Protein backbone atom coordinates (compact mmCIF):
# COMPACT_ATOMS: atom_id res chain seq x y z
CA MET A 1 17.91 3.53 18.42
CA ALA A 2 16.22 4.91 15.38
CA SER A 3 15.63 2.54 12.52
CA PRO A 4 16.72 3.56 9.36
CA LEU A 5 15.02 3.33 5.68
CA SER A 6 15.51 1.31 3.12
CA CYS A 7 14.74 0.68 -0.31
CA PRO A 8 12.10 -2.15 -1.18
CA ALA A 9 13.09 -1.43 -5.07
CA CYS A 10 16.22 -0.67 -5.78
CA GLY A 11 17.99 -1.95 -2.27
CA ALA A 12 19.79 1.23 -1.30
CA GLU A 13 20.20 2.43 2.55
CA TYR A 14 19.66 5.88 4.94
CA ALA A 15 20.99 6.52 7.47
CA PRO A 16 17.69 7.76 10.31
CA GLY A 17 17.94 11.44 10.98
CA PRO A 18 15.97 15.32 10.85
CA ASP A 19 17.84 14.61 7.20
CA GLU A 20 17.46 11.71 5.82
CA PRO A 21 15.06 11.93 2.38
CA TRP A 22 11.21 11.54 2.70
CA ARG A 23 12.04 8.93 -0.85
CA CYS A 24 14.68 6.98 -2.47
CA SER A 25 16.65 8.50 -4.61
CA CYS A 26 15.62 5.57 -7.17
CA GLY A 27 11.80 7.25 -6.75
CA ALA A 28 10.16 4.30 -4.45
CA PRO A 29 9.36 4.22 -1.49
CA LEU A 30 11.45 4.23 1.48
CA GLU A 31 10.45 1.53 4.60
CA LEU A 32 11.52 1.57 8.43
CA ALA A 33 14.52 -1.22 7.87
CA ALA A 34 13.47 -2.39 11.99
CA ASP A 35 10.00 -4.04 10.75
CA PRO A 36 9.33 -6.43 14.26
CA PRO A 37 7.38 -9.23 13.53
CA PRO A 38 3.72 -10.09 16.19
CA ASN A 39 4.83 -12.60 18.58
CA SER A 40 2.36 -15.10 19.44
CA PRO A 41 -0.66 -13.53 22.03
CA GLN A 42 -1.27 -15.80 24.12
CA GLY A 43 0.02 -14.94 27.16
CA ARG A 44 0.23 -11.36 26.18
CA THR A 45 -1.64 -9.28 27.73
CA VAL A 46 -4.06 -6.69 25.27
CA ASP A 47 -4.46 -3.54 27.61
CA PRO A 48 -7.60 -1.49 25.62
CA GLY A 49 -6.80 1.51 28.40
CA GLU A 50 -2.86 1.80 26.55
CA GLY A 51 -4.82 1.97 22.69
CA LEU A 52 -2.63 1.55 19.53
CA TRP A 53 0.66 1.70 21.51
CA THR A 54 -0.80 -1.41 23.22
CA PHE A 55 1.51 -3.05 20.31
CA GLU A 56 4.47 -1.07 20.53
CA GLU A 57 6.98 -4.44 20.85
CA TRP A 58 5.17 -4.91 17.11
CA LEU A 59 5.98 -1.80 15.66
CA PRO A 60 8.91 -0.41 13.94
CA VAL A 61 8.92 2.93 16.30
CA ARG A 62 9.28 3.69 19.85
CA ARG A 63 6.26 5.78 21.75
CA ARG A 64 7.67 9.00 21.84
CA VAL A 65 4.13 10.74 21.44
CA SER A 66 1.16 9.81 22.68
CA LEU A 67 -2.84 11.56 23.50
CA GLY A 68 -4.19 8.31 24.39
CA GLU A 69 -5.07 7.14 21.03
CA GLY A 70 -6.48 3.83 19.78
CA PHE A 71 -8.57 1.14 20.32
CA THR A 72 -11.44 2.92 18.84
CA PRO A 73 -15.00 0.59 18.99
CA LEU A 74 -16.27 -1.96 17.63
CA VAL A 75 -19.71 -2.58 17.14
CA SER A 76 -22.99 -3.86 15.24
CA ALA A 77 -24.15 -1.86 12.49
CA GLY A 78 -27.26 -2.62 13.07
CA GLU A 79 -30.61 -3.74 10.77
CA ARG A 80 -29.87 -0.81 8.60
CA TRP A 81 -26.85 -2.49 7.27
CA GLY A 82 -27.01 -5.72 7.65
CA GLU A 83 -26.29 -7.43 11.70
CA ALA A 84 -23.12 -9.74 9.98
CA VAL A 85 -21.54 -5.73 9.27
CA GLY A 86 -19.15 -4.24 12.18
CA PHE A 87 -18.25 -0.63 12.01
CA LYS A 88 -15.46 0.26 13.23
CA LEU A 89 -15.36 4.25 15.09
CA GLU A 90 -12.12 5.03 13.66
CA TYR A 91 -13.61 8.67 13.76
CA VAL A 92 -12.95 9.10 17.89
CA PHE A 93 -9.43 9.66 18.07
CA PRO A 94 -8.53 12.71 20.01
CA THR A 95 -8.37 15.18 16.45
CA GLY A 96 -11.31 12.88 14.93
CA SER A 97 -10.11 11.01 12.14
CA PHE A 98 -8.67 7.42 11.61
CA LYS A 99 -5.47 10.07 10.61
CA ASP A 100 -4.16 9.67 13.87
CA ARG A 101 -2.93 6.49 14.00
CA GLY A 102 0.10 6.95 11.75
CA ALA A 103 0.25 10.85 12.92
CA THR A 104 1.32 9.60 16.66
CA THR A 105 4.00 6.83 15.27
CA THR A 106 5.06 10.05 12.46
CA LEU A 107 5.87 12.36 15.75
CA SER A 108 7.26 9.70 17.37
CA ARG A 109 9.20 8.99 14.99
CA ALA A 110 10.30 13.02 14.58
CA ALA A 111 11.17 13.35 18.24
CA GLU A 112 13.23 10.42 18.14
CA LEU A 113 15.18 11.73 15.14
CA GLY A 114 15.24 15.67 16.97
CA VAL A 115 13.49 16.81 14.26
CA LYS A 116 12.90 20.82 14.99
CA ARG A 117 9.97 20.92 12.13
CA VAL A 118 7.90 18.96 9.84
CA ILE A 119 5.66 19.76 7.06
CA GLU A 120 3.12 18.22 5.91
CA ASP A 121 0.88 18.55 3.05
CA SER A 122 -3.15 17.48 3.82
CA SER A 123 -6.62 17.78 1.95
CA GLY A 124 -7.69 18.40 5.91
CA ASN A 125 -7.86 15.46 8.32
CA ALA A 126 -4.30 14.16 7.87
CA GLY A 127 -3.10 18.08 8.68
CA ALA A 128 -4.75 17.90 11.35
CA ALA A 129 -3.46 14.96 13.51
CA ILE A 130 -0.08 16.25 12.38
CA ALA A 131 -0.57 19.63 13.44
CA THR A 132 -1.91 18.41 16.94
CA TYR A 133 0.94 15.61 17.56
CA ALA A 134 3.48 18.42 16.54
CA ALA A 135 1.95 20.09 19.60
CA ARG A 136 2.26 17.58 21.61
CA ALA A 137 5.78 16.74 21.37
CA GLY A 138 6.95 20.35 20.81
CA ILE A 139 7.43 20.43 17.17
CA ASP A 140 6.33 23.27 14.68
CA ALA A 141 4.47 22.28 12.13
CA GLU A 142 3.97 23.78 8.78
CA ILE A 143 0.97 21.88 6.57
CA TYR A 144 0.49 22.81 2.92
CA VAL A 145 -3.59 22.89 2.50
CA PRO A 146 -6.17 23.54 -0.28
CA ALA A 147 -7.71 27.22 -0.60
CA GLY A 148 -10.70 25.78 -0.48
CA VAL A 149 -9.80 23.84 2.90
CA LYS A 150 -12.62 23.21 5.04
CA ALA A 151 -13.03 25.97 7.96
CA SER A 152 -13.03 23.43 10.63
CA LYS A 153 -10.39 21.79 10.05
CA LEU A 154 -8.45 24.70 9.28
CA SER A 155 -8.96 26.21 12.78
CA ALA A 156 -7.85 22.41 14.14
CA ILE A 157 -5.00 22.97 12.46
CA GLU A 158 -4.43 26.48 14.19
CA ARG A 159 -5.54 26.46 16.99
CA ALA A 160 -2.93 23.51 17.52
CA GLY A 161 -0.43 26.54 16.87
CA ALA A 162 0.40 25.12 13.52
CA ARG A 163 0.68 27.87 10.10
CA PRO A 164 -1.75 26.05 7.50
CA VAL A 165 -0.15 27.51 3.67
CA ARG A 166 -3.58 27.99 1.76
CA VAL A 167 -2.24 26.71 -1.95
CA GLU A 168 -4.05 27.57 -5.57
CA GLY A 169 -5.68 24.49 -7.30
CA GLY A 170 -6.43 20.64 -6.73
CA ARG A 171 -4.85 18.18 -4.28
CA ALA A 172 -1.69 17.71 -7.02
CA ALA A 173 -0.61 21.47 -6.39
CA VAL A 174 -1.10 22.00 -2.50
CA THR A 175 1.43 18.39 -2.71
CA GLU A 176 3.86 20.01 -5.26
CA ALA A 177 4.14 23.60 -2.94
CA CYS A 178 5.11 21.79 -0.10
CA LEU A 179 7.42 19.23 -1.85
CA GLU A 180 8.77 22.08 -2.71
CA ALA A 181 9.52 23.84 0.75
CA VAL A 182 10.89 20.10 1.25
CA GLU A 183 13.73 20.27 -1.14
CA ARG A 184 14.62 23.76 0.28
CA GLY A 185 14.86 22.46 4.03
CA GLU A 186 12.53 23.59 5.62
CA GLY A 187 11.10 21.24 7.50
CA TRP A 188 11.17 17.11 7.82
CA TYR A 189 7.84 15.63 5.32
CA ALA A 190 5.96 14.23 8.06
CA SER A 191 3.66 13.56 5.02
CA HIS A 192 0.69 10.45 5.33
CA ALA A 193 1.48 8.81 1.53
CA TRP A 194 4.89 8.89 2.06
CA ASN A 195 6.33 8.29 5.45
CA PRO A 196 6.56 4.81 5.96
CA ALA A 197 6.30 5.79 9.96
CA PHE A 198 2.86 6.74 9.09
CA TYR A 199 2.29 3.13 7.81
CA ALA A 200 3.37 1.83 11.17
CA GLY A 201 0.34 3.84 12.60
CA THR A 202 -1.99 1.97 11.07
CA SER A 203 -1.44 -1.35 10.23
CA THR A 204 -2.59 -1.49 14.17
CA PHE A 205 -6.40 -0.84 12.49
CA ALA A 206 -5.65 -4.76 11.67
CA PHE A 207 -4.15 -5.82 14.79
CA GLU A 208 -6.78 -4.49 16.94
CA ILE A 209 -9.22 -5.68 14.98
CA ALA A 210 -7.98 -9.26 15.00
CA ALA A 211 -7.86 -8.85 19.14
CA GLN A 212 -11.97 -7.89 19.64
CA ARG A 213 -11.93 -10.51 17.31
CA GLY A 214 -10.40 -13.01 19.14
CA TRP A 215 -7.47 -13.05 17.45
CA SER A 216 -9.73 -13.86 14.30
CA VAL A 217 -10.63 -11.76 11.40
CA PRO A 218 -13.92 -10.72 8.94
CA ASP A 219 -14.76 -12.33 5.73
CA ALA A 220 -13.89 -8.63 4.67
CA VAL A 221 -12.91 -4.73 4.82
CA VAL A 222 -13.74 -2.46 3.21
CA CYS A 223 -11.79 0.51 3.22
CA PRO A 224 -12.30 4.44 1.58
CA VAL A 225 -9.63 4.87 -0.93
CA GLY A 226 -7.51 7.99 -1.71
CA HIS A 227 -3.33 7.62 -0.58
CA GLY A 228 -4.26 4.57 1.17
CA THR A 229 -3.08 4.86 4.47
CA LEU A 230 -5.44 2.97 6.04
CA PHE A 231 -6.34 0.76 2.92
CA LEU A 232 -2.63 0.20 3.32
CA GLY A 233 -2.06 -0.20 7.16
CA ALA A 234 -4.77 -2.93 7.08
CA TYR A 235 -2.93 -4.80 5.08
CA ARG A 236 -0.14 -4.64 6.72
CA GLY A 237 -0.95 -5.43 9.73
CA PHE A 238 -3.39 -8.21 8.34
CA ARG A 239 -0.61 -10.11 6.60
CA ALA A 240 1.46 -9.52 9.29
CA LEU A 241 -0.89 -11.59 11.64
CA TYR A 242 -1.28 -14.16 9.00
CA ASN A 243 2.56 -14.42 8.42
CA ALA A 244 2.98 -14.82 11.92
CA GLY A 245 0.54 -17.88 12.39
CA ILE A 246 -1.65 -15.60 14.75
CA THR A 247 -4.32 -15.76 12.74
CA ASP A 248 -5.00 -18.28 9.45
CA ARG A 249 -6.26 -16.25 7.06
CA LEU A 250 -6.26 -12.47 4.82
CA PRO A 251 -9.14 -11.48 4.21
CA ARG A 252 -10.77 -9.80 1.24
CA LEU A 253 -9.51 -6.46 1.48
CA LEU A 254 -12.81 -3.86 -0.75
CA GLY A 255 -11.07 -0.07 -1.77
CA VAL A 256 -13.57 2.46 -2.51
CA GLN A 257 -13.30 5.69 -4.41
CA SER A 258 -15.39 8.23 -5.16
CA GLU A 259 -16.21 8.07 -8.88
CA ALA A 260 -14.59 11.97 -9.32
CA ALA A 261 -11.05 10.27 -8.11
CA ALA A 262 -10.89 6.54 -8.74
CA PRO A 263 -7.03 5.15 -10.16
CA ILE A 264 -7.20 2.52 -7.85
CA ALA A 265 -11.07 0.97 -9.16
CA GLU A 266 -9.65 2.42 -12.84
CA ALA A 267 -5.98 -0.02 -12.45
CA ILE A 268 -8.60 -2.57 -10.78
CA GLY A 269 -11.66 -2.83 -13.38
CA GLY A 270 -10.54 -0.92 -16.21
CA ASP A 271 -13.51 1.70 -16.25
CA GLU A 272 -13.28 4.63 -18.04
CA ARG A 273 -14.46 7.65 -14.84
CA ASP A 274 -14.58 11.35 -14.88
CA GLN A 275 -11.54 12.31 -13.24
CA SER A 276 -11.32 15.87 -15.31
CA ALA A 277 -9.56 18.51 -13.19
CA ASP A 278 -12.55 20.54 -12.53
CA ALA A 279 -14.75 16.68 -10.75
CA THR A 280 -16.13 17.62 -7.63
CA THR A 281 -17.09 14.91 -4.87
CA VAL A 282 -18.39 15.55 -1.49
CA ALA A 283 -16.09 12.89 -0.13
CA ASP A 284 -13.29 15.49 0.19
CA GLY A 285 -11.28 13.34 2.23
CA ILE A 286 -10.59 10.58 -1.12
CA ARG A 287 -9.97 12.63 -3.91
CA ILE A 288 -6.53 12.20 -5.20
CA GLU A 289 -5.85 11.15 -8.55
CA ALA A 290 -1.99 9.39 -8.35
CA PRO A 291 -1.61 7.58 -5.60
CA ALA A 292 2.17 7.89 -3.11
CA ARG A 293 2.22 3.81 -3.25
CA HIS A 294 -0.56 3.53 -6.49
CA ALA A 295 1.01 0.21 -7.34
CA GLU A 296 1.33 -0.83 -3.61
CA ILE A 297 -2.66 -1.00 -3.52
CA VAL A 298 -2.83 -2.71 -6.63
CA GLU A 299 -1.26 -5.42 -5.28
CA ALA A 300 -2.49 -5.66 -2.62
CA VAL A 301 -6.25 -5.73 -3.94
CA GLU A 302 -5.36 -8.14 -5.57
CA VAL A 303 -3.28 -10.57 -3.19
CA THR A 304 -6.33 -10.74 -1.08
CA ASN A 305 -8.86 -11.44 -4.23
CA GLY A 306 -10.54 -7.95 -2.84
CA ASP A 307 -11.36 -5.56 -5.32
CA ALA A 308 -11.96 -1.91 -6.05
CA THR A 309 -14.93 0.19 -7.28
CA ALA A 310 -15.62 3.76 -6.98
CA LEU A 311 -19.51 5.37 -6.21
CA ASP A 312 -20.98 8.44 -6.95
CA ASP A 313 -22.21 11.53 -4.73
CA GLY A 314 -25.74 10.49 -4.74
CA ARG A 315 -25.15 7.11 -3.47
CA ILE A 316 -22.95 8.31 -0.38
CA GLU A 317 -24.81 11.25 0.24
CA ALA A 318 -27.53 8.04 0.38
CA ALA A 319 -25.68 6.26 3.16
CA LEU A 320 -24.39 10.48 4.62
CA ASP A 321 -28.34 10.15 5.66
CA ARG A 322 -28.29 6.97 7.05
CA LEU A 323 -25.48 6.64 8.75
CA HIS A 324 -26.83 10.32 10.54
CA ARG A 325 -30.39 8.76 11.53
CA GLY A 326 -29.05 5.75 12.76
CA GLY A 327 -26.94 7.51 15.43
CA PHE A 328 -22.90 7.55 13.41
CA TYR A 329 -22.07 11.37 12.86
CA VAL A 330 -19.30 11.15 10.84
CA GLU A 331 -17.78 13.24 7.63
CA PRO A 332 -19.02 12.68 4.30
CA THR A 333 -15.91 10.63 2.99
CA SER A 334 -16.89 8.36 6.06
CA ALA A 335 -20.20 7.36 4.18
CA VAL A 336 -17.94 5.44 1.86
CA ALA A 337 -16.70 2.38 2.24
CA PRO A 338 -20.48 1.72 4.44
CA ALA A 339 -22.16 2.56 0.41
CA ALA A 340 -19.87 0.80 -0.81
CA VAL A 341 -21.09 -2.74 0.84
CA GLU A 342 -24.34 -2.39 -0.81
CA ARG A 343 -22.38 -1.58 -3.76
CA TYR A 344 -20.36 -4.75 -3.06
CA ARG A 345 -23.40 -6.52 -3.06
CA GLU A 346 -25.59 -6.32 -5.89
CA LEU A 347 -22.73 -6.79 -7.71
CA GLY A 348 -22.77 -10.60 -6.17
CA VAL A 349 -18.99 -9.42 -4.84
CA VAL A 350 -19.82 -9.76 -0.90
CA GLU A 351 -22.38 -12.06 -0.35
CA PRO A 352 -25.25 -10.90 2.01
CA GLY A 353 -24.36 -12.57 5.35
CA ALA A 354 -20.39 -12.22 4.67
CA ASP A 355 -19.02 -10.69 8.26
CA VAL A 356 -17.88 -6.84 7.07
CA VAL A 357 -15.86 -4.34 9.04
CA VAL A 358 -16.12 -1.41 7.82
CA PRO A 359 -14.57 2.11 9.13
CA LEU A 360 -16.41 6.01 9.33
CA THR A 361 -13.56 7.33 9.40
CA GLY A 362 -14.25 11.11 10.37
CA SER A 363 -15.92 12.60 12.85
CA GLY A 364 -18.87 14.70 11.22
CA LEU A 365 -17.59 18.04 12.72
CA LYS A 366 -14.67 17.41 10.55
CA GLY A 367 -17.77 18.49 7.37
CA GLU A 368 -19.23 21.78 9.27
């Protein structure tokens, strides 16, 4: 039976179903009430062939919709970045981005609830993932996207049979238009920012890292932050492993944003940055002015003794070029976290020989 929803802020509970709310009446994000803790990995088989669903018993969602996603490679970044840096190749997922982690769990829950149509708003990757997994589930999908969405991402949505709705204006305008459709009852909100089932999926990022390292954690994980879906998934996963006694510490979580939209970096460091409506960035995948779970992202930084910074396009583009020349064909947003490793070293936040894991989040084919 599908897990009920609960509100950590006010304690309200909601029964599961295709008409369940997308957030609490108090305005706070909802969570899945059932949240099974990880148990000891001793004696259990971690089967990479099962993908991220090898951790199904640790998740509050049952597998119903899958394309074999997960257990992405964790490889040495090489001399260009430092031998102690590992890249987790999240761009080898079925739709070419880490968003498949959340799409498989979100559409699995939607299928269990008997949802007939899902609605999502996205700058591209999440929309492509939700559209693809909805197609796998036989569920209709409507994806709200910016009018200027990259052709490759729009094509991925359309070819999966979803209906894209192009919205003029900034990313906030896209979300507003999508929410109006949800409130009109046009579909179940499969939001990568709000839906708790999505974070159940991204928590497997942490489980995989620990398993691939013999149930140990790195000194730090450097993640791009837009809505923070991977960053918070990492936090939730590593916290669950630590609370269960499977690992002996939390890695430092180091966030990175573009200077064009850096609300978390500003909240952590108090820096004044260019976040005007006209600001642009090559890292369009993280251009989010108001993350849905802003407070939780800040909490994750503080609890893990982490940090958040913002980079200009010059640093991002230079890192992208180095990645491509090193054999990692990723989209521009994926270059943000590797570029931040260098920035954090300059600031003294990361020591030269520190053990660091960096996700490469999206395929270079997405940038074409």
